[in-house]
Amino acid sequence: MQNNKRQISGYLLTILFVFYFASTNFFKHTHIDENNRLIVHSHPFSSESNHQHHTASFQLIDKLSGFVAGLIILGMSLLAISELSSCLTVSRGEHVRTVAFLTSCFSRPPPKI
């Protein structure tokens, strides 16, 4: 049952990523705001209609983009720390602490012929 939930959540996250990737890469367009600044962003829209955004919409898009970027940086940092900490073990049996690297975290050299 646990494995089934993990598999379903993996499929759902993959589908979510594909839709997010498609919406950010295939629907880019530009707008010029009141201050003559060019704003480039992406979201699904009808190419036939000339749609507009309010200033509050641009601010919301900016805040959401910053929030998502921050979450990505935080997640990648936590993942890197987790991977590094799994490669280090501290042996406390001795008076002096020593840090030993586990060989399973590093690839072996090629075989000698």
Foldseek 3Di string as FASTA:
>chain_A
DVVVVVVVVVVVVVVVVVVVVCQFPVAWDWDQDPVRDIDITGGDDDPVDDDDDDPVVVVVVVVVVVVVVVVVVVVVVVVVVVLVVVQWDWDPPDPDIDIDGDPVSDDDDDDDD
